[in-house]
């Protein structure tokens, strides 16, 4: 099993003029750590996005793809990250109020979806 180098040790190694090979390896470790953290955050937000998608599918009713498109549209129109829109929607199951901009845009998006289905 690999022994993990603590970030502060990495920083000290970077400052002590390591050899070119050591510097490249250390840079790769730093990059991989950042990537790993980003993937971890993505996985955490994925659950909320999937739950919100299911909620939209129940509200609309619509396919998973249309629910995704609707959430992306709400996110873009509100200029709020998709993961934050999803988290706010899921939080309504715990008696939290949906923020007004998201509420307004979600209402519009659901209306547009229903109108498109009528045609």
C-alpha atoms as a PDB file:
ATOM      1  CA  UNK A   1       0.000   0.000   0.000  1.00  0.00           C
ATOM      2  CA  UNK A   2       1.196   3.539  -0.784  1.00  0.00           C
ATOM      3  CA  UNK A   3       2.203   5.895   1.952  1.00  0.00           C
ATOM      4  CA  UNK A   4       0.561   9.282   1.405  1.00  0.00           C
ATOM      5  CA  UNK A   5       2.769  12.345   1.593  1.00  0.00           C
ATOM      6  CA  UNK A   6       1.038  15.063   3.640  1.00  0.00           C
ATOM      7  CA  UNK A   7       0.410  18.310   1.698  1.00  0.00           C
ATOM      8  CA  UNK A   8       2.709  20.359   3.957  1.00  0.00           C
ATOM      9  CA  UNK A   9       5.570  17.923   3.245  1.00  0.00           C
ATOM     10  CA  UNK A  10       4.856  18.308  -0.480  1.00  0.00           C
ATOM     11  CA  UNK A  11       5.090  22.067  -0.162  1.00  0.00           C
ATOM     12  CA  UNK A  12       8.393  21.818   1.724  1.00  0.00           C
ATOM     13  CA  UNK A  13       9.771  19.497  -0.967  1.00  0.00           C
ATOM     14  CA  UNK A  14       8.728  21.955  -3.661  1.00  0.00           C
ATOM     15  CA  UNK A  15      10.611  24.761  -1.899  1.00  0.00           C
ATOM     16  CA  UNK A  16      13.837  22.783  -1.409  1.00  0.00           C
ATOM     17  CA  UNK A  17      14.758  22.662  -5.112  1.00  0.00           C
ATOM     18  CA  UNK A  18      14.221  18.952  -5.730  1.00  0.00           C
ATOM     19  CA  UNK A  19      15.741  17.195  -8.714  1.00  0.00           C
ATOM     20  CA  UNK A  20      13.868  17.442 -12.007  1.00  0.00           C
ATOM     21  CA  UNK A  21      12.497  13.911 -11.602  1.00  0.00           C
ATOM     22  CA  UNK A  22      11.370  14.557  -8.041  1.00  0.00           C
ATOM     23  CA  UNK A  23       9.767  17.852  -9.034  1.00  0.00           C
ATOM     24  CA  UNK A  24       7.842  16.192 -11.880  1.00  0.00           C
ATOM     25  CA  UNK A  25       6.671  13.397  -9.599  1.00  0.00           C
ATOM     26  CA  UNK A  26       5.653  15.845  -6.903  1.00  0.00           C
ATOM     27  CA  UNK A  27       3.780  18.012  -9.404  1.00  0.00           C
ATOM     28  CA  UNK A  28       1.926  14.919 -10.588  1.00  0.00           C
ATOM     29  CA  UNK A  29       0.991  13.998  -7.001  1.00  0.00           C
ATOM     30  CA  UNK A  30      -0.354  17.505  -6.379  1.00  0.00           C
ATOM     31  CA  UNK A  31      -2.345  17.395  -9.632  1.00  0.00           C
ATOM     32  CA  UNK A  32      -3.750  13.943  -8.858  1.00  0.00           C
ATOM     33  CA  UNK A  33      -4.790  15.051  -5.368  1.00  0.00           C
ATOM     34  CA  UNK A  34      -6.654  18.028  -6.804  1.00  0.00           C
ATOM     35  CA  UNK A  35      -8.334  15.799  -9.367  1.00  0.00           C
ATOM     36  CA  UNK A  36      -9.285  13.305  -6.668  1.00  0.00           C
ATOM     37  CA  UNK A  37     -10.869  16.048  -4.557  1.00  0.00           C
ATOM     38  CA  UNK A  38     -12.802  17.334  -7.559  1.00  0.00           C
ATOM     39  CA  UNK A  39     -14.108  13.843  -8.343  1.00  0.00           C
ATOM     40  CA  UNK A  40     -15.144  13.398  -4.721  1.00  0.00           C
ATOM     41  CA  UNK A  41     -17.148  16.623  -4.822  1.00  0.00           C
ATOM     42  CA  UNK A  42     -18.735  15.566  -8.123  1.00  0.00           C
ATOM     43  CA  UNK A  43     -19.813  12.239  -6.656  1.00  0.00           C
ATOM     44  CA  UNK A  44     -21.332  13.963  -3.638  1.00  0.00           C
ATOM     45  CA  UNK A  45     -23.355  16.357  -5.775  1.00  0.00           C
ATOM     46  CA  UNK A  46     -24.405  13.589  -8.175  1.00  0.00           C
ATOM     47  CA  UNK A  47     -26.749  12.048  -5.606  1.00  0.00           C
ATOM     48  CA  UNK A  48     -28.617  15.331  -5.118  1.00  0.00           C
ATOM     49  CA  UNK A  49     -28.801  15.883  -8.875  1.00  0.00           C
ATOM     50  CA  UNK A  50     -30.246  12.404  -9.401  1.00  0.00           C
ATOM     51  CA  UNK A  51     -32.787  12.958  -6.616  1.00  0.00           C
ATOM     52  CA  UNK A  52     -33.815  16.309  -8.086  1.00  0.00           C
ATOM     53  CA  UNK A  53     -34.114  14.673 -11.484  1.00  0.00           C
ATOM     54  CA  UNK A  54     -36.483  12.101 -10.005  1.00  0.00           C
ATOM     55  CA  UNK A  55     -38.521  14.849  -8.374  1.00  0.00           C
ATOM     56  CA  UNK A  56     -38.889  16.646 -11.703  1.00  0.00           C
ATOM     57  CA  UNK A  57     -39.869  13.375 -13.389  1.00  0.00           C
ATOM     58  CA  UNK A  58     -42.624  12.943 -10.778  1.00  0.00           C
ATOM     59  CA  UNK A  59     -43.788  16.559 -11.129  1.00  0.00           C
ATOM     60  CA  UNK A  60     -43.804  16.728 -14.907  1.00  0.00           C
ATOM     61  CA  UNK A  61     -44.103  13.512 -15.719  1.00  0.00           C
ATOM     62  CA  UNK A  62     -41.255  13.258 -18.195  1.00  0.00           C
ATOM     63  CA  UNK A  63     -38.239  11.195 -19.147  1.00  0.00           C
ATOM     64  CA  UNK A  64     -34.962  11.315 -17.283  1.00  0.00           C
ATOM     65  CA  UNK A  65     -33.359  13.196 -20.178  1.00  0.00           C
ATOM     66  CA  UNK A  66     -36.063  15.862 -20.213  1.00  0.00           C
ATOM     67  CA  UNK A  67     -35.788  16.250 -16.446  1.00  0.00           C
ATOM     68  CA  UNK A  68     -32.025  16.735 -16.841  1.00  0.00           C
ATOM     69  CA  UNK A  69     -32.551  19.341 -19.554  1.00  0.00           C
ATOM     70  CA  UNK A  70     -35.109  21.139 -17.406  1.00  0.00           C
ATOM     71  CA  UNK A  71     -32.759  21.296 -14.413  1.00  0.00           C
ATOM     72  CA  UNK A  72     -29.887  22.491 -16.600  1.00  0.00           C
ATOM     73  CA  UNK A  73     -32.162  25.187 -18.027  1.00  0.00           C
ATOM     74  CA  UNK A  74     -33.221  26.349 -14.563  1.00  0.00           C
ATOM     75  CA  UNK A  75     -29.569  26.443 -13.544  1.00  0.00           C
ATOM     76  CA  UNK A  76     -28.588  28.503 -16.560  1.00  0.00           C
ATOM     77  CA  UNK A  77     -31.503  30.939 -16.341  1.00  0.00           C
ATOM     78  CA  UNK A  78     -30.878  31.532 -12.640  1.00  0.00           C
ATOM     79  CA  UNK A  79     -27.096  31.571 -13.040  1.00  0.00           C
ATOM     80  CA  UNK A  80     -26.841  29.078 -10.193  1.00  0.00           C
ATOM     81  CA  UNK A  81     -24.744  25.924 -10.364  1.00  0.00           C
ATOM     82  CA  UNK A  82     -26.721  22.796 -11.212  1.00  0.00           C
ATOM     83  CA  UNK A  83     -25.618  21.077  -8.000  1.00  0.00           C
ATOM     84  CA  UNK A  84     -26.970  24.037  -5.980  1.00  0.00           C
ATOM     85  CA  UNK A  85     -30.297  24.021  -7.838  1.00  0.00           C
ATOM     86  CA  UNK A  86     -30.577  20.283  -7.198  1.00  0.00           C
ATOM     87  CA  UNK A  87     -29.643  20.635  -3.522  1.00  0.00           C
ATOM     88  CA  UNK A  88     -32.247  23.377  -3.051  1.00  0.00           C
ATOM     89  CA  UNK A  89     -34.929  21.264  -4.704  1.00  0.00           C
ATOM     90  CA  UNK A  90     -34.062  18.202  -2.609  1.00  0.00           C
ATOM     91  CA  UNK A  91     -34.036  20.359   0.542  1.00  0.00           C
ATOM     92  CA  UNK A  92     -37.743  21.066  -0.004  1.00  0.00           C
ATOM     93  CA  UNK A  93     -38.361  17.490   1.168  1.00  0.00           C
ATOM     94  CA  UNK A  94     -37.043  18.638   4.556  1.00  0.00           C
ATOM     95  CA  UNK A  95     -39.463  21.573   4.790  1.00  0.00           C
ATOM     96  CA  UNK A  96     -37.038  24.107   3.352  1.00  0.00           C
ATOM     97  CA  UNK A  97     -38.373  26.763   1.037  1.00  0.00           C
ATOM     98  CA  UNK A  98     -37.130  26.797  -2.525  1.00  0.00           C
ATOM     99  CA  UNK A  99     -35.345  30.117  -3.199  1.00  0.00           C
ATOM    100  CA  UNK A 100     -37.550  32.496  -5.174  1.00  0.00           C
ATOM    101  CA  UNK A 101     -35.424  32.674  -8.368  1.00  0.00           C
ATOM    102  CA  UNK A 102     -35.274  28.865  -8.599  1.00  0.00           C
ATOM    103  CA  UNK A 103     -38.951  28.547  -7.739  1.00  0.00           C
ATOM    104  CA  UNK A 104     -39.942  31.058 -10.404  1.00  0.00           C
ATOM    105  CA  UNK A 105     -37.764  29.517 -13.119  1.00  0.00           C
ATOM    106  CA  UNK A 106     -38.773  25.956 -12.217  1.00  0.00           C
ATOM    107  CA  UNK A 107     -42.427  26.956 -12.510  1.00  0.00           C
ATOM    108  CA  UNK A 108     -41.755  28.482 -15.945  1.00  0.00           C
ATOM    109  CA  UNK A 109     -39.761  25.456 -17.103  1.00  0.00           C
ATOM    110  CA  UNK A 110     -42.496  23.037 -16.000  1.00  0.00           C
ATOM    111  CA  UNK A 111     -45.092  25.156 -17.770  1.00  0.00           C
ATOM    112  CA  UNK A 112     -43.019  25.158 -20.999  1.00  0.00           C
ATOM    113  CA  UNK A 113     -42.589  21.393 -20.741  1.00  0.00           C
ATOM    114  CA  UNK A 114     -46.345  20.851 -20.364  1.00  0.00           C
ATOM    115  CA  UNK A 115     -47.070  23.200 -23.257  1.00  0.00           C
ATOM    116  CA  UNK A 116     -44.616  21.321 -25.476  1.00  0.00           C
ATOM    117  CA  UNK A 117     -46.329  18.016 -24.588  1.00  0.00           C
ATOM    118  CA  UNK A 118     -49.749  19.407 -25.565  1.00  0.00           C
ATOM    119  CA  UNK A 119     -48.601  20.140 -29.102  1.00  0.00           C
END
